[in-house]
Amino acid sequence: MISDSALDTLFRQARSHNGWLPHPVGEAQLRQIYELVKWGPTSANCSPMRVLFVRTDQGRERLRPLLSPGNVEKTMTAPVTAIIGFDTAFYRELPRLFPHNPAMQDNFRAPGKEAHAALTAFRNASLQAGYFILAARAIGLDCGPMSGFDAEALDKVFWAGTTVKTNFLCNLGHGDPTKLFARHPRLSFEQACSFA
């Protein structure tokens, strides 16, 4: 089992941040996050998550009008905003990612399989996005995952010409603890879990 301090870093003391300290996040850190994320399991190793890291002023200005008002300031001041997407045509990579059964892609690309492919992409990319948050925390960064944006417009601006759709946004950096809200309660085991 990992240490209590590691559990605190990943879960118990980790917070969703709304404000950021003026410390940069380097490309090496972003690469380190992905190098951890890629090892997390997905169905048939399909790995549909795609990430676009917005880290320039020009990128932020393209993102600004697509955000809900409550998300503008915290996103404009974040060192990096990760646009977490999912590739609806992920199955094109399956012959390489699932080499012992290259025909696996036929389960998703055949006519009538579009809904199955879209659900598989969304489910598994969401799973990878959870790994993404944990990986970012594990390397010492804070996260601010959020909804609150115009997904259709964001897809047109940032994923045009691709088969990728946006799932959610995740600001990355070193969080400013003075801008945290009080921690909200969580459901107990008895409220959220049962046995069969």
C-alpha atoms as a PDB file:
ATOM      1  CA  MET A   1       0.000   0.000   0.000  1.00  0.00           C
ATOM      2  CA  ILE A   2       1.207   3.516  -0.722  1.00  0.00           C
ATOM      3  CA  SER A   3       1.895   5.886   2.156  1.00  0.00           C
ATOM      4  CA  ASP A   4      -0.679   8.000   3.977  1.00  0.00           C
ATOM      5  CA  SER A   5       0.988  11.131   2.628  1.00  0.00           C
ATOM      6  CA  ALA A   6       0.584   9.825  -0.939  1.00  0.00           C
ATOM      7  CA  LEU A   7      -3.102   9.096  -0.266  1.00  0.00           C
ATOM      8  CA  ASP A   8      -3.461  12.639   1.067  1.00  0.00           C
ATOM      9  CA  THR A   9      -1.829  14.038  -2.102  1.00  0.00           C
ATOM     10  CA  LEU A  10      -4.031  12.041  -4.436  1.00  0.00           C
ATOM     11  CA  PHE A  11      -7.337  12.110  -2.545  1.00  0.00           C
ATOM     12  CA  ARG A  12      -7.849  13.288   1.026  1.00  0.00           C
ATOM     13  CA  GLN A  13      -6.123  16.677   0.882  1.00  0.00           C
ATOM     14  CA  ALA A  14      -6.427  17.265  -2.868  1.00  0.00           C
ATOM     15  CA  ARG A  15      -8.791  20.032  -3.896  1.00  0.00           C
ATOM     16  CA  SER A  16     -10.319  21.412  -7.081  1.00  0.00           C
ATOM     17  CA  HIS A  17      -8.586  24.755  -7.470  1.00  0.00           C
ATOM     18  CA  ASN A  18     -10.118  28.024  -8.673  1.00  0.00           C
ATOM     19  CA  GLY A  19      -7.081  30.297  -8.346  1.00  0.00           C
ATOM     20  CA  TRP A  20      -3.451  29.918  -9.280  1.00  0.00           C
ATOM     21  CA  LEU A  21      -0.043  30.978  -8.050  1.00  0.00           C
ATOM     22  CA  PRO A  22       2.268  32.528 -10.660  1.00  0.00           C
ATOM     23  CA  HIS A  23       4.408  29.417 -11.130  1.00  0.00           C
ATOM     24  CA  PRO A  24       4.895  27.993 -14.613  1.00  0.00           C
ATOM     25  CA  VAL A  25       4.043  24.487 -15.750  1.00  0.00           C
ATOM     26  CA  GLY A  26       6.588  23.133 -18.209  1.00  0.00           C
ATOM     27  CA  GLU A  27       6.185  20.865 -21.195  1.00  0.00           C
ATOM     28  CA  ALA A  28       8.228  18.207 -19.408  1.00  0.00           C
ATOM     29  CA  GLN A  29       5.589  18.090 -16.650  1.00  0.00           C
ATOM     30  CA  LEU A  30       2.774  17.728 -19.186  1.00  0.00           C
ATOM     31  CA  ARG A  31       4.640  14.909 -20.880  1.00  0.00           C
ATOM     32  CA  GLN A  32       5.226  13.280 -17.492  1.00  0.00           C
ATOM     33  CA  ILE A  33       1.476  13.317 -16.814  1.00  0.00           C
ATOM     34  CA  TYR A  34       0.726  11.536 -20.066  1.00  0.00           C
ATOM     35  CA  GLU A  35       3.527   9.020 -19.572  1.00  0.00           C
ATOM     36  CA  LEU A  36       1.722   7.938 -16.390  1.00  0.00           C
ATOM     37  CA  VAL A  37      -1.804   8.122 -17.811  1.00  0.00           C
ATOM     38  CA  LYS A  38      -1.077   5.908 -20.805  1.00  0.00           C
ATOM     39  CA  TRP A  39      -0.555   2.866 -18.562  1.00  0.00           C
ATOM     40  CA  GLY A  40      -4.071   2.969 -17.091  1.00  0.00           C
ATOM     41  CA  PRO A  41      -6.419   0.258 -18.369  1.00  0.00           C
ATOM     42  CA  THR A  42      -9.095   0.869 -20.997  1.00  0.00           C
ATOM     43  CA  SER A  43     -11.403  -1.531 -22.857  1.00  0.00           C
ATOM     44  CA  ALA A  44      -9.352  -3.477 -25.415  1.00  0.00           C
ATOM     45  CA  ASN A  45      -6.576  -0.941 -24.728  1.00  0.00           C
ATOM     46  CA  CYS A  46      -8.584   1.490 -26.874  1.00  0.00           C
ATOM     47  CA  SER A  47      -7.061   4.636 -25.277  1.00  0.00           C
ATOM     48  CA  PRO A  48      -9.523   7.174 -26.762  1.00  0.00           C
ATOM     49  CA  MET A  49      -8.570  10.198 -24.630  1.00  0.00           C
ATOM     50  CA  ARG A  50      -6.972  13.090 -26.487  1.00  0.00           C
ATOM     51  CA  VAL A  51      -5.573  16.158 -24.735  1.00  0.00           C
ATOM     52  CA  LEU A  52      -4.970  19.628 -26.102  1.00  0.00           C
ATOM     53  CA  PHE A  53      -2.894  21.765 -23.727  1.00  0.00           C
ATOM     54  CA  VAL A  54      -3.774  25.465 -23.946  1.00  0.00           C
ATOM     55  CA  ARG A  55      -0.766  27.363 -22.600  1.00  0.00           C
ATOM     56  CA  THR A  56      -0.300  30.454 -24.759  1.00  0.00           C
ATOM     57  CA  ASP A  57      -2.042  33.820 -24.555  1.00  0.00           C
ATOM     58  CA  GLN A  58      -3.359  33.278 -28.082  1.00  0.00           C
ATOM     59  CA  GLY A  59      -4.828  29.910 -27.086  1.00  0.00           C
ATOM     60  CA  ARG A  60      -6.443  31.392 -23.981  1.00  0.00           C
ATOM     61  CA  GLU A  61      -8.051  34.150 -26.032  1.00  0.00           C
ATOM     62  CA  ARG A  62      -9.536  31.553 -28.386  1.00  0.00           C
ATOM     63  CA  LEU A  63     -10.895  29.740 -25.336  1.00  0.00           C
ATOM     64  CA  ARG A  64     -12.219  32.803 -23.469  1.00  0.00           C
ATOM     65  CA  PRO A  65     -15.495  33.378 -25.391  1.00  0.00           C
ATOM     66  CA  LEU A  66     -16.386  29.685 -25.139  1.00  0.00           C
ATOM     67  CA  LEU A  67     -16.382  29.660 -21.324  1.00  0.00           C
ATOM     68  CA  SER A  68     -19.252  30.229 -18.930  1.00  0.00           C
ATOM     69  CA  PRO A  69     -18.781  33.547 -17.081  1.00  0.00           C
ATOM     70  CA  GLY A  70     -17.871  31.824 -13.805  1.00  0.00           C
ATOM     71  CA  ASN A  71     -15.006  29.956 -15.463  1.00  0.00           C
ATOM     72  CA  VAL A  72     -13.319  32.840 -17.278  1.00  0.00           C
ATOM     73  CA  GLU A  73     -11.010  34.274 -14.610  1.00  0.00           C
ATOM     74  CA  LYS A  74      -9.793  30.952 -13.225  1.00  0.00           C
ATOM     75  CA  THR A  75      -9.071  29.686 -16.731  1.00  0.00           C
ATOM     76  CA  MET A  76      -7.393  32.853 -17.984  1.00  0.00           C
ATOM     77  CA  THR A  77      -5.043  32.827 -14.984  1.00  0.00           C
ATOM     78  CA  ALA A  78      -4.253  29.095 -15.060  1.00  0.00           C
ATOM     79  CA  PRO A  79      -0.782  28.264 -16.392  1.00  0.00           C
ATOM     80  CA  VAL A  80      -2.303  25.485 -18.533  1.00  0.00           C
ATOM     81  CA  THR A  81      -5.812  24.402 -19.454  1.00  0.00           C
ATOM     82  CA  ALA A  82      -6.101  20.827 -20.669  1.00  0.00           C
ATOM     83  CA  ILE A  83      -8.971  20.254 -23.074  1.00  0.00           C
ATOM     84  CA  ILE A  84      -9.791  16.617 -22.385  1.00  0.00           C
ATOM     85  CA  GLY A  85     -11.346  15.047 -25.438  1.00  0.00           C
ATOM     86  CA  PHE A  86     -12.356  11.654 -26.765  1.00  0.00           C
ATOM     87  CA  ASP A  87     -11.709  10.350 -30.253  1.00  0.00           C
ATOM     88  CA  THR A  88     -14.910   8.869 -31.655  1.00  0.00           C
ATOM     89  CA  ALA A  89     -12.822   7.006 -34.252  1.00  0.00           C
ATOM     90  CA  PHE A  90     -10.409   5.564 -31.679  1.00  0.00           C
ATOM     91  CA  TYR A  91     -10.818   2.139 -33.290  1.00  0.00           C
ATOM     92  CA  ARG A  92      -8.465   3.130 -36.135  1.00  0.00           C
ATOM     93  CA  GLU A  93      -5.610   2.594 -33.654  1.00  0.00           C
ATOM     94  CA  LEU A  94      -6.779  -0.824 -32.434  1.00  0.00           C
ATOM     95  CA  PRO A  95      -4.687  -2.911 -34.846  1.00  0.00           C
ATOM     96  CA  ARG A  96      -1.619  -1.362 -33.194  1.00  0.00           C
ATOM     97  CA  LEU A  97      -2.969  -1.083 -29.644  1.00  0.00           C
ATOM     98  CA  PHE A  98      -4.633  -4.507 -29.539  1.00  0.00           C
ATOM     99  CA  PRO A  99      -2.282  -6.439 -31.862  1.00  0.00           C
ATOM    100  CA  HIS A 100      -3.305  -9.958 -30.884  1.00  0.00           C
ATOM    101  CA  ASN A 101      -6.785  -9.250 -32.305  1.00  0.00           C
ATOM    102  CA  PRO A 102      -6.606  -6.582 -35.027  1.00  0.00           C
ATOM    103  CA  ALA A 103     -10.178  -7.397 -36.084  1.00  0.00           C
ATOM    104  CA  MET A 104     -11.380  -5.852 -32.801  1.00  0.00           C
ATOM    105  CA  GLN A 105     -11.841  -2.576 -34.671  1.00  0.00           C
ATOM    106  CA  ASP A 106     -14.718  -4.144 -36.608  1.00  0.00           C
ATOM    107  CA  ASN A 107     -16.749  -4.152 -33.379  1.00  0.00           C
ATOM    108  CA  PHE A 108     -16.785  -0.342 -33.607  1.00  0.00           C
ATOM    109  CA  ARG A 109     -16.424   0.691 -37.251  1.00  0.00           C
ATOM    110  CA  ALA A 110     -19.003  -1.530 -38.920  1.00  0.00           C
ATOM    111  CA  PRO A 111     -22.272   0.098 -40.047  1.00  0.00           C
ATOM    112  CA  GLY A 112     -24.711   0.410 -37.178  1.00  0.00           C
ATOM    113  CA  LYS A 113     -21.911   0.498 -34.569  1.00  0.00           C
ATOM    114  CA  GLU A 114     -21.663   4.287 -34.316  1.00  0.00           C
ATOM    115  CA  ALA A 115     -23.510   4.561 -30.987  1.00  0.00           C
ATOM    116  CA  HIS A 116     -21.471   1.716 -29.500  1.00  0.00           C
ATOM    117  CA  ALA A 117     -18.237   3.375 -30.648  1.00  0.00           C
ATOM    118  CA  ALA A 118     -19.271   6.782 -29.262  1.00  0.00           C
ATOM    119  CA  LEU A 119     -20.225   5.335 -25.877  1.00  0.00           C
ATOM    120  CA  THR A 120     -17.011   3.298 -25.690  1.00  0.00           C
ATOM    121  CA  ALA A 121     -14.957   6.371 -26.556  1.00  0.00           C
ATOM    122  CA  PHE A 122     -16.671   8.562 -23.968  1.00  0.00           C
ATOM    123  CA  ARG A 123     -16.593   5.952 -21.193  1.00  0.00           C
ATOM    124  CA  ASN A 124     -12.947   5.023 -21.629  1.00  0.00           C
ATOM    125  CA  ALA A 125     -11.727   8.577 -22.172  1.00  0.00           C
ATOM    126  CA  SER A 126     -13.536   9.557 -18.959  1.00  0.00           C
ATOM    127  CA  LEU A 127     -11.706   6.730 -17.212  1.00  0.00           C
ATOM    128  CA  GLN A 128      -8.422   8.022 -18.600  1.00  0.00           C
ATOM    129  CA  ALA A 129      -9.344  11.547 -17.515  1.00  0.00           C
ATOM    130  CA  GLY A 130      -9.577  10.286 -13.940  1.00  0.00           C
ATOM    131  CA  TYR A 131      -6.073   8.863 -14.320  1.00  0.00           C
ATOM    132  CA  PHE A 132      -5.041  12.258 -15.731  1.00  0.00           C
ATOM    133  CA  ILE A 133      -6.121  14.114 -12.589  1.00  0.00           C
ATOM    134  CA  LEU A 134      -4.372  11.610 -10.326  1.00  0.00           C
ATOM    135  CA  ALA A 135      -1.196  11.726 -12.439  1.00  0.00           C
ATOM    136  CA  ALA A 136      -1.128  15.534 -12.316  1.00  0.00           C
ATOM    137  CA  ARG A 137      -1.502  15.459  -8.545  1.00  0.00           C
ATOM    138  CA  ALA A 138       1.143  12.749  -8.264  1.00  0.00           C
ATOM    139  CA  ILE A 139       3.760  14.938  -9.978  1.00  0.00           C
ATOM    140  CA  GLY A 140       2.971  17.911  -7.735  1.00  0.00           C
ATOM    141  CA  LEU A 141       0.427  19.894  -9.717  1.00  0.00           C
ATOM    142  CA  ASP A 142      -3.057  20.981  -8.711  1.00  0.00           C
ATOM    143  CA  CYS A 143      -6.135  20.538 -10.881  1.00  0.00           C
ATOM    144  CA  GLY A 144      -9.312  22.458 -11.532  1.00  0.00           C
ATOM    145  CA  PRO A 145     -11.561  20.176 -13.599  1.00  0.00           C
ATOM    146  CA  MET A 146     -14.722  21.833 -14.856  1.00  0.00           C
ATOM    147  CA  SER A 147     -17.728  21.867 -17.095  1.00  0.00           C
ATOM    148  CA  GLY A 148     -19.220  25.212 -18.028  1.00  0.00           C
ATOM    149  CA  PHE A 149     -18.317  25.858 -21.655  1.00  0.00           C
ATOM    150  CA  ASP A 150     -19.894  25.725 -25.100  1.00  0.00           C
ATOM    151  CA  ALA A 151     -18.846  22.220 -26.150  1.00  0.00           C
ATOM    152  CA  GLU A 152     -20.047  22.492 -29.752  1.00  0.00           C
ATOM    153  CA  ALA A 153     -18.207  25.770 -30.300  1.00  0.00           C
ATOM    154  CA  LEU A 154     -15.123  24.471 -28.507  1.00  0.00           C
ATOM    155  CA  ASP A 155     -15.043  21.431 -30.800  1.00  0.00           C
ATOM    156  CA  LYS A 156     -15.197  23.717 -33.840  1.00  0.00           C
ATOM    157  CA  VAL A 157     -12.426  25.983 -32.575  1.00  0.00           C
ATOM    158  CA  PHE A 158     -10.003  23.406 -31.189  1.00  0.00           C
ATOM    159  CA  TRP A 159     -10.837  20.028 -32.786  1.00  0.00           C
ATOM    160  CA  ALA A 160     -11.939  21.128 -36.283  1.00  0.00           C
ATOM    161  CA  GLY A 161     -11.217  18.537 -38.948  1.00  0.00           C
ATOM    162  CA  THR A 162     -10.829  15.714 -36.426  1.00  0.00           C
ATOM    163  CA  THR A 163     -13.042  13.017 -34.926  1.00  0.00           C
ATOM    164  CA  VAL A 164     -12.374  14.310 -31.394  1.00  0.00           C
ATOM    165  CA  LYS A 165     -15.099  15.749 -29.147  1.00  0.00           C
ATOM    166  CA  THR A 166     -14.615  17.617 -25.870  1.00  0.00           C
ATOM    167  CA  ASN A 167     -15.396  15.915 -22.562  1.00  0.00           C
ATOM    168  CA  PHE A 168     -14.333  18.575 -20.034  1.00  0.00           C
ATOM    169  CA  LEU A 169     -11.630  21.121 -19.208  1.00  0.00           C
ATOM    170  CA  CYS A 170      -8.978  20.806 -16.518  1.00  0.00           C
ATOM    171  CA  ASN A 171      -6.897  23.759 -15.385  1.00  0.00           C
ATOM    172  CA  LEU A 172      -3.413  22.827 -14.201  1.00  0.00           C
ATOM    173  CA  GLY A 173      -0.866  24.633 -12.066  1.00  0.00           C
ATOM    174  CA  HIS A 174       0.007  25.381  -8.478  1.00  0.00           C
ATOM    175  CA  GLY A 175      -3.217  26.256  -6.729  1.00  0.00           C
ATOM    176  CA  ASP A 176      -3.658  29.330  -4.572  1.00  0.00           C
ATOM    177  CA  PRO A 177      -4.996  28.004  -1.252  1.00  0.00           C
ATOM    178  CA  THR A 178      -6.484  31.411  -0.380  1.00  0.00           C
ATOM    179  CA  LYS A 179      -8.995  31.000  -3.223  1.00  0.00           C
ATOM    180  CA  LEU A 180     -10.351  27.619  -2.152  1.00  0.00           C
ATOM    181  CA  PHE A 181     -13.946  27.246  -1.065  1.00  0.00           C
ATOM    182  CA  ALA A 182     -14.773  25.371   2.123  1.00  0.00           C
ATOM    183  CA  ARG A 183     -14.719  21.649   1.465  1.00  0.00           C
ATOM    184  CA  HIS A 184     -18.156  20.210   0.784  1.00  0.00           C
ATOM    185  CA  PRO A 185     -19.409  17.008   2.405  1.00  0.00           C
ATOM    186  CA  ARG A 186     -19.253  13.627   0.692  1.00  0.00           C
ATOM    187  CA  LEU A 187     -21.615  10.675   0.781  1.00  0.00           C
ATOM    188  CA  SER A 188     -20.828   7.967   3.320  1.00  0.00           C
ATOM    189  CA  PHE A 189     -20.100   4.375   2.304  1.00  0.00           C
ATOM    190  CA  GLU A 190     -23.627   3.416   3.400  1.00  0.00           C
ATOM    191  CA  GLN A 191     -25.186   6.139   1.274  1.00  0.00           C
ATOM    192  CA  ALA A 192     -23.218   5.351  -1.875  1.00  0.00           C
ATOM    193  CA  CYS A 193     -22.462   1.636  -1.709  1.00  0.00           C
ATOM    194  CA  SER A 194     -24.332  -1.620  -1.305  1.00  0.00           C
ATOM    195  CA  PHE A 195     -23.754  -5.337  -1.625  1.00  0.00           C
ATOM    196  CA  ALA A 196     -25.425  -7.968  -3.791  1.00  0.00           C
END
